Amino acid sequence: MVDRRYVLLFYWIWHPVRNLCRPSGYDFFLGLGLGLATLFLYNPVAYRMFDLVRKGKIYNQSYFERSGWKNAVLKLAEILKNMVLVFLVYVTYQSVNMLLERLLHLPEGTVTIPGEPIGFALIYTIFYYLLTGLMDTVAEMRK
């Protein structure tokens, strides 16, 4: 018997167009879009205009000195990171709404806190900094 999680993962990765009307399809395309926007809009502007400091070190120079394969892998990792972040935001909204539904004895399926742009951006930014900090800590421990 096939585990349900693998089936869901298969559909989330290989059939995003088919699942576009489901949250997994939205997560896939929103994460992909944010990842591409981060790669081609945010990163080039931010790394050229500002000195980005992480844990006391300026990070800009290492961004421009990456080799071909390392650069490609890190770009794919950036897209995957954005997909994970969108999924975490989705799970946060679901969890908060389900918790409020149970605490306030609301009818099942009631959306107490809708996914509006300001809340999404706030939660996304919090998770982005937490995940980036975690990745930097892991990279430091590997050295």
N, C-alpha and C. Protein backbone atom coordinates (compact mmCIF):
# COMPACT_ATOMS: atom_id res chain seq x y z
N MET A 1 0.83 -1.17 0.00
CA MET A 1 0.00 0.00 0.00
C MET A 1 0.89 1.25 0.00
N VAL A 2 0.52 2.24 -0.80
CA VAL A 2 1.30 3.46 -0.95
C VAL A 2 0.91 4.45 0.16
N ASP A 3 1.92 5.04 0.75
CA ASP A 3 1.68 6.04 1.79
C ASP A 3 1.06 7.29 1.17
N ARG A 4 0.07 7.84 1.80
CA ARG A 4 -0.66 8.99 1.26
C ARG A 4 0.24 10.21 1.10
N ARG A 5 1.22 10.37 1.98
CA ARG A 5 2.11 11.52 1.88
C ARG A 5 2.89 11.53 0.58
N TYR A 6 3.33 10.35 0.11
CA TYR A 6 4.08 10.28 -1.13
C TYR A 6 3.20 10.62 -2.33
N VAL A 7 1.95 10.20 -2.26
CA VAL A 7 1.03 10.53 -3.34
C VAL A 7 0.80 12.04 -3.39
N LEU A 8 0.60 12.67 -2.22
CA LEU A 8 0.41 14.12 -2.18
C LEU A 8 1.65 14.85 -2.66
N LEU A 9 2.82 14.37 -2.27
CA LEU A 9 4.07 14.98 -2.72
C LEU A 9 4.20 14.86 -4.23
N PHE A 10 3.85 13.69 -4.77
CA PHE A 10 3.91 13.47 -6.21
C PHE A 10 3.02 14.47 -6.94
N TYR A 11 1.78 14.63 -6.47
CA TYR A 11 0.88 15.57 -7.12
C TYR A 11 1.32 17.01 -6.93
N TRP A 12 1.92 17.33 -5.80
CA TRP A 12 2.36 18.70 -5.56
C TRP A 12 3.51 19.07 -6.48
N ILE A 13 4.40 18.10 -6.75
CA ILE A 13 5.57 18.40 -7.57
C ILE A 13 5.27 18.21 -9.06
N TRP A 14 4.63 17.13 -9.43
CA TRP A 14 4.52 16.80 -10.85
C TRP A 14 3.22 17.25 -11.51
N HIS A 15 2.21 17.58 -10.76
CA HIS A 15 0.95 17.98 -11.35
C HIS A 15 0.43 19.30 -10.80
N PRO A 16 1.23 20.36 -10.81
CA PRO A 16 0.76 21.62 -10.23
C PRO A 16 -0.37 22.26 -11.03
N VAL A 17 -0.37 22.11 -12.35
CA VAL A 17 -1.43 22.71 -13.16
C VAL A 17 -2.76 22.04 -12.87
N ARG A 18 -2.73 20.75 -12.73
CA ARG A 18 -3.93 19.99 -12.43
C ARG A 18 -4.49 20.35 -11.06
N ASN A 19 -3.62 20.68 -10.13
CA ASN A 19 -4.02 21.00 -8.77
C ASN A 19 -4.07 22.50 -8.51
N LEU A 20 -4.18 23.31 -9.56
CA LEU A 20 -4.13 24.75 -9.38
C LEU A 20 -5.25 25.27 -8.50
N CYS A 21 -6.39 24.63 -8.52
CA CYS A 21 -7.52 25.10 -7.70
C CYS A 21 -7.44 24.61 -6.27
N ARG A 22 -6.44 23.83 -5.96
CA ARG A 22 -6.23 23.35 -4.59
C ARG A 22 -5.11 24.17 -3.96
N PRO A 23 -5.05 24.21 -2.64
CA PRO A 23 -3.98 24.98 -1.99
C PRO A 23 -2.58 24.54 -2.40
N SER A 24 -2.38 23.26 -2.69
CA SER A 24 -1.04 22.81 -3.07
C SER A 24 -0.62 23.42 -4.39
N GLY A 25 -1.55 23.61 -5.32
CA GLY A 25 -1.22 24.26 -6.59
C GLY A 25 -0.90 25.73 -6.40
N TYR A 26 -1.66 26.40 -5.54
CA TYR A 26 -1.37 27.79 -5.24
C TYR A 26 -0.02 27.92 -4.57
N ASP A 27 0.27 27.05 -3.63
CA ASP A 27 1.56 27.07 -2.95
C ASP A 27 2.70 26.91 -3.93
N PHE A 28 2.55 25.97 -4.85
CA PHE A 28 3.61 25.68 -5.82
C PHE A 28 3.91 26.91 -6.66
N PHE A 29 2.87 27.48 -7.28
CA PHE A 29 3.10 28.60 -8.19
C PHE A 29 3.46 29.89 -7.46
N LEU A 30 2.90 30.12 -6.29
CA LEU A 30 3.28 31.30 -5.52
C LEU A 30 4.73 31.19 -5.04
N GLY A 31 5.13 30.02 -4.57
CA GLY A 31 6.52 29.81 -4.17
C GLY A 31 7.47 29.94 -5.35
N LEU A 32 7.08 29.39 -6.50
CA LEU A 32 7.91 29.51 -7.70
C LEU A 32 8.02 30.96 -8.12
N GLY A 33 6.91 31.67 -8.12
CA GLY A 33 6.93 33.08 -8.51
C GLY A 33 7.75 33.94 -7.56
N LEU A 34 7.59 33.72 -6.27
CA LEU A 34 8.39 34.49 -5.30
C LEU A 34 9.87 34.13 -5.40
N GLY A 35 10.17 32.87 -5.65
CA GLY A 35 11.57 32.46 -5.82
C GLY A 35 12.21 33.11 -7.03
N LEU A 36 11.48 33.14 -8.15
CA LEU A 36 12.02 33.78 -9.35
C LEU A 36 12.14 35.29 -9.17
N ALA A 37 11.17 35.89 -8.50
CA ALA A 37 11.25 37.34 -8.24
C ALA A 37 12.43 37.65 -7.32
N THR A 38 12.67 36.79 -6.34
CA THR A 38 13.81 36.99 -5.45
C THR A 38 15.12 36.88 -6.22
N LEU A 39 15.20 35.89 -7.10
CA LEU A 39 16.44 35.67 -7.86
C LEU A 39 16.73 36.79 -8.85
N PHE A 40 15.72 37.19 -9.60
CA PHE A 40 15.98 38.09 -10.72
C PHE A 40 15.64 39.56 -10.45
N LEU A 41 14.92 39.85 -9.37
CA LEU A 41 14.61 41.24 -9.06
C LEU A 41 15.27 41.71 -7.76
N TYR A 42 15.00 40.98 -6.68
CA TYR A 42 15.48 41.43 -5.37
C TYR A 42 16.99 41.27 -5.21
N ASN A 43 17.51 40.07 -5.42
CA ASN A 43 18.93 39.81 -5.17
C ASN A 43 19.86 40.71 -5.97
N PRO A 44 19.67 40.85 -7.30
CA PRO A 44 20.60 41.73 -8.03
C PRO A 44 20.60 43.17 -7.52
N VAL A 45 19.44 43.69 -7.20
CA VAL A 45 19.36 45.07 -6.71
C VAL A 45 19.97 45.18 -5.32
N ALA A 46 19.57 44.29 -4.43
CA ALA A 46 20.02 44.37 -3.04
C ALA A 46 21.53 44.16 -2.91
N TYR A 47 22.08 43.19 -3.65
CA TYR A 47 23.50 42.89 -3.50
C TYR A 47 24.39 43.93 -4.18
N ARG A 48 23.85 44.69 -5.14
CA ARG A 48 24.66 45.72 -5.79
C ARG A 48 24.55 47.08 -5.09
N MET A 49 23.43 47.35 -4.44
CA MET A 49 23.21 48.68 -3.87
C MET A 49 23.55 48.79 -2.39
N PHE A 50 23.43 47.68 -1.64
CA PHE A 50 23.58 47.75 -0.20
C PHE A 50 24.64 46.75 0.26
N ASP A 51 25.23 47.04 1.41
CA ASP A 51 26.12 46.07 2.05
C ASP A 51 25.26 45.20 2.96
N LEU A 52 25.00 43.99 2.54
CA LEU A 52 24.17 43.07 3.33
C LEU A 52 25.06 42.38 4.35
N VAL A 53 24.73 42.59 5.61
CA VAL A 53 25.53 42.06 6.71
C VAL A 53 24.76 40.94 7.38
N ARG A 54 25.41 39.78 7.50
CA ARG A 54 24.85 38.65 8.24
C ARG A 54 25.87 38.22 9.28
N LYS A 55 25.44 38.29 10.52
CA LYS A 55 26.28 37.90 11.65
C LYS A 55 27.63 38.61 11.63
N GLY A 56 27.60 39.90 11.32
CA GLY A 56 28.80 40.71 11.37
C GLY A 56 29.68 40.66 10.14
N LYS A 57 29.35 39.85 9.13
CA LYS A 57 30.17 39.76 7.92
C LYS A 57 29.36 40.30 6.74
N ILE A 58 30.05 41.05 5.87
CA ILE A 58 29.39 41.54 4.66
C ILE A 58 29.30 40.38 3.68
N TYR A 59 28.09 40.12 3.19
CA TYR A 59 27.80 38.92 2.42
C TYR A 59 27.88 39.16 0.91
N ASN A 60 28.00 40.41 0.48
CA ASN A 60 27.93 40.73 -0.94
C ASN A 60 29.01 40.08 -1.78
N GLN A 61 30.25 40.12 -1.32
CA GLN A 61 31.36 39.62 -2.13
C GLN A 61 31.21 38.13 -2.44
N SER A 62 30.81 37.34 -1.47
CA SER A 62 30.65 35.90 -1.72
C SER A 62 29.52 35.62 -2.68
N TYR A 63 28.53 36.52 -2.75
CA TYR A 63 27.43 36.36 -3.70
C TYR A 63 27.93 36.47 -5.14
N PHE A 64 28.87 37.38 -5.39
CA PHE A 64 29.37 37.60 -6.74
C PHE A 64 30.51 36.66 -7.11
N GLU A 65 31.12 35.97 -6.16
CA GLU A 65 32.26 35.10 -6.45
C GLU A 65 31.89 33.63 -6.59
N ARG A 66 30.63 33.32 -6.72
CA ARG A 66 30.22 31.91 -6.84
C ARG A 66 30.55 31.37 -8.22
N SER A 67 30.93 30.08 -8.25
CA SER A 67 31.22 29.43 -9.53
C SER A 67 29.92 28.99 -10.20
N GLY A 68 30.01 28.45 -11.40
CA GLY A 68 28.84 28.09 -12.19
C GLY A 68 27.91 27.09 -11.54
N TRP A 69 28.45 25.92 -11.15
CA TRP A 69 27.60 24.89 -10.56
C TRP A 69 27.07 25.31 -9.19
N LYS A 70 27.93 25.92 -8.41
CA LYS A 70 27.50 26.37 -7.08
C LYS A 70 26.41 27.43 -7.21
N ASN A 71 26.56 28.31 -8.17
CA ASN A 71 25.57 29.35 -8.41
C ASN A 71 24.23 28.73 -8.82
N ALA A 72 24.28 27.74 -9.71
CA ALA A 72 23.04 27.09 -10.17
C ALA A 72 22.34 26.36 -9.03
N VAL A 73 23.12 25.66 -8.22
CA VAL A 73 22.53 24.92 -7.09
C VAL A 73 21.93 25.89 -6.08
N LEU A 74 22.62 26.98 -5.80
CA LEU A 74 22.10 27.95 -4.84
C LEU A 74 20.86 28.67 -5.37
N LYS A 75 20.77 28.86 -6.68
CA LYS A 75 19.55 29.46 -7.25
C LYS A 75 18.37 28.50 -7.13
N LEU A 76 18.60 27.23 -7.40
CA LEU A 76 17.53 26.23 -7.22
C LEU A 76 17.14 26.13 -5.75
N ALA A 77 18.12 26.22 -4.86
CA ALA A 77 17.82 26.18 -3.42
C ALA A 77 17.01 27.40 -3.00
N GLU A 78 17.26 28.54 -3.62
CA GLU A 78 16.50 29.76 -3.31
C GLU A 78 15.03 29.59 -3.72
N ILE A 79 14.80 28.99 -4.88
CA ILE A 79 13.42 28.74 -5.33
C ILE A 79 12.75 27.75 -4.39
N LEU A 80 13.45 26.69 -4.01
CA LEU A 80 12.90 25.69 -3.09
C LEU A 80 12.63 26.31 -1.73
N LYS A 81 13.52 27.20 -1.28
CA LYS A 81 13.33 27.88 0.01
C LYS A 81 12.05 28.71 -0.02
N ASN A 82 11.79 29.40 -1.11
CA ASN A 82 10.58 30.20 -1.21
C ASN A 82 9.34 29.33 -1.25
N MET A 83 9.42 28.16 -1.87
CA MET A 83 8.28 27.24 -1.87
C MET A 83 8.00 26.74 -0.45
N VAL A 84 9.04 26.43 0.28
CA VAL A 84 8.88 25.99 1.67
C VAL A 84 8.30 27.12 2.52
N LEU A 85 8.76 28.34 2.30
CA LEU A 85 8.24 29.48 3.05
C LEU A 85 6.76 29.71 2.79
N VAL A 86 6.34 29.61 1.53
CA VAL A 86 4.93 29.78 1.21
C VAL A 86 4.11 28.68 1.87
N PHE A 87 4.63 27.46 1.88
CA PHE A 87 3.93 26.35 2.53
C PHE A 87 3.82 26.61 4.03
N LEU A 88 4.88 27.12 4.66
CA LEU A 88 4.84 27.43 6.09
C LEU A 88 3.82 28.53 6.40
N VAL A 89 3.73 29.53 5.54
CA VAL A 89 2.73 30.59 5.73
C VAL A 89 1.33 30.00 5.61
N TYR A 90 1.13 29.13 4.62
CA TYR A 90 -0.17 28.49 4.44
C TYR A 90 -0.55 27.67 5.67
N VAL A 91 0.40 26.89 6.18
CA VAL A 91 0.14 26.07 7.37
C VAL A 91 -0.15 26.95 8.58
N THR A 92 0.54 28.08 8.69
CA THR A 92 0.29 29.01 9.79
C THR A 92 -1.13 29.56 9.74
N TYR A 93 -1.54 30.00 8.56
CA TYR A 93 -2.91 30.51 8.41
C TYR A 93 -3.94 29.42 8.74
N GLN A 94 -3.72 28.21 8.23
CA GLN A 94 -4.64 27.11 8.49
C GLN A 94 -4.72 26.82 9.99
N SER A 95 -3.57 26.75 10.64
CA SER A 95 -3.53 26.42 12.06
C SER A 95 -4.23 27.49 12.91
N VAL A 96 -3.95 28.75 12.62
CA VAL A 96 -4.57 29.84 13.39
C VAL A 96 -6.08 29.83 13.17
N ASN A 97 -6.52 29.67 11.93
CA ASN A 97 -7.95 29.66 11.66
C ASN A 97 -8.65 28.46 12.32
N MET A 98 -8.02 27.30 12.29
CA MET A 98 -8.62 26.13 12.93
C MET A 98 -8.66 26.30 14.45
N LEU A 99 -7.60 26.89 15.02
CA LEU A 99 -7.57 27.13 16.45
C LEU A 99 -8.67 28.11 16.86
N LEU A 100 -8.81 29.21 16.13
CA LEU A 100 -9.86 30.19 16.44
C LEU A 100 -11.25 29.60 16.23
N GLU A 101 -11.39 28.75 15.24
CA GLU A 101 -12.67 28.10 14.98
C GLU A 101 -13.10 27.24 16.17
N ARG A 102 -12.14 26.52 16.74
CA ARG A 102 -12.45 25.67 17.89
C ARG A 102 -12.63 26.47 19.18
N LEU A 103 -11.79 27.48 19.38
CA LEU A 103 -11.88 28.29 20.60
C LEU A 103 -13.17 29.11 20.65
N LEU A 104 -13.58 29.65 19.52
CA LEU A 104 -14.76 30.52 19.47
C LEU A 104 -16.04 29.76 19.11
N HIS A 105 -15.94 28.44 18.95
CA HIS A 105 -17.08 27.58 18.62
C HIS A 105 -17.80 28.07 17.36
N LEU A 106 -17.02 28.36 16.33
CA LEU A 106 -17.57 28.80 15.05
C LEU A 106 -17.91 27.59 14.19
N PRO A 107 -18.77 27.76 13.18
CA PRO A 107 -19.06 26.64 12.29
C PRO A 107 -17.81 26.17 11.56
N GLU A 108 -17.77 24.90 11.24
CA GLU A 108 -16.60 24.32 10.58
C GLU A 108 -16.39 24.97 9.21
N GLY A 109 -15.15 25.31 8.92
CA GLY A 109 -14.81 25.94 7.65
C GLY A 109 -14.85 27.45 7.68
N THR A 110 -15.11 28.05 8.83
CA THR A 110 -15.15 29.50 8.94
C THR A 110 -13.73 30.05 8.87
N VAL A 111 -13.54 31.04 8.00
CA VAL A 111 -12.24 31.68 7.86
C VAL A 111 -12.26 32.95 8.70
N THR A 112 -11.62 32.90 9.85
CA THR A 112 -11.59 34.04 10.75
C THR A 112 -10.56 35.07 10.30
N ILE A 113 -9.38 34.60 9.95
CA ILE A 113 -8.30 35.48 9.48
C ILE A 113 -8.00 35.11 8.04
N PRO A 114 -8.46 35.91 7.08
CA PRO A 114 -8.19 35.59 5.67
C PRO A 114 -6.73 35.88 5.32
N GLY A 115 -6.28 35.30 4.24
CA GLY A 115 -4.90 35.51 3.79
C GLY A 115 -4.76 36.79 3.00
N GLU A 116 -4.61 37.90 3.71
CA GLU A 116 -4.49 39.19 3.05
C GLU A 116 -3.01 39.54 2.84
N PRO A 117 -2.68 40.48 1.96
CA PRO A 117 -1.28 40.74 1.60
C PRO A 117 -0.38 41.19 2.76
N ILE A 118 -0.88 42.03 3.67
CA ILE A 118 -0.02 42.54 4.74
C ILE A 118 0.34 41.41 5.71
N GLY A 119 -0.64 40.62 6.10
CA GLY A 119 -0.38 39.49 6.99
C GLY A 119 0.52 38.45 6.35
N PHE A 120 0.27 38.17 5.06
CA PHE A 120 1.12 37.21 4.34
C PHE A 120 2.56 37.72 4.32
N ALA A 121 2.75 38.98 3.99
CA ALA A 121 4.10 39.54 3.91
C ALA A 121 4.79 39.52 5.27
N LEU A 122 4.05 39.81 6.33
CA LEU A 122 4.63 39.81 7.67
C LEU A 122 5.07 38.40 8.08
N ILE A 123 4.18 37.43 7.91
CA ILE A 123 4.52 36.05 8.27
C ILE A 123 5.63 35.51 7.38
N TYR A 124 5.57 35.82 6.09
CA TYR A 124 6.60 35.39 5.14
C TYR A 124 7.97 35.95 5.54
N THR A 125 8.00 37.23 5.89
CA THR A 125 9.27 37.86 6.27
C THR A 125 9.83 37.25 7.56
N ILE A 126 8.98 36.99 8.52
CA ILE A 126 9.43 36.36 9.76
C ILE A 126 10.03 34.99 9.47
N PHE A 127 9.31 34.18 8.70
CA PHE A 127 9.83 32.85 8.37
C PHE A 127 11.09 32.95 7.51
N TYR A 128 11.18 33.95 6.63
CA TYR A 128 12.35 34.12 5.78
C TYR A 128 13.60 34.38 6.62
N TYR A 129 13.48 35.30 7.58
CA TYR A 129 14.64 35.59 8.44
C TYR A 129 15.00 34.42 9.34
N LEU A 130 14.00 33.71 9.84
CA LEU A 130 14.29 32.53 10.67
C LEU A 130 14.98 31.45 9.86
N LEU A 131 14.48 31.16 8.65
CA LEU A 131 15.08 30.12 7.82
C LEU A 131 16.46 30.52 7.33
N THR A 132 16.64 31.79 6.96
CA THR A 132 17.96 32.26 6.53
C THR A 132 18.96 32.19 7.68
N GLY A 133 18.54 32.59 8.87
CA GLY A 133 19.41 32.49 10.04
C GLY A 133 19.78 31.04 10.36
N LEU A 134 18.81 30.14 10.23
CA LEU A 134 19.08 28.73 10.46
C LEU A 134 20.06 28.19 9.42
N MET A 135 19.87 28.57 8.16
CA MET A 135 20.79 28.11 7.11
C MET A 135 22.20 28.67 7.32
N ASP A 136 22.32 29.91 7.75
CA ASP A 136 23.63 30.48 8.03
C ASP A 136 24.32 29.77 9.20
N THR A 137 23.54 29.44 10.22
CA THR A 137 24.08 28.73 11.37
C THR A 137 24.57 27.35 10.98
N VAL A 138 23.80 26.64 10.16
CA VAL A 138 24.21 25.32 9.69
C VAL A 138 25.46 25.42 8.83
N ALA A 139 25.52 26.43 7.96
CA ALA A 139 26.72 26.62 7.12
C ALA A 139 27.94 26.92 7.97
N GLU A 140 27.79 27.70 9.04
CA GLU A 140 28.90 28.00 9.94
C GLU A 140 29.37 26.75 10.67
N MET A 141 28.43 25.91 11.08
CA MET A 141 28.80 24.69 11.81
C MET A 141 29.51 23.69 10.91
N ARG A 142 29.23 23.72 9.61
CA ARG A 142 29.87 22.79 8.68
C ARG A 142 31.32 23.16 8.42
N LYS A 143 31.68 24.42 8.65
CA LYS A 143 33.07 24.86 8.37
C LYS A 143 34.02 24.45 9.43
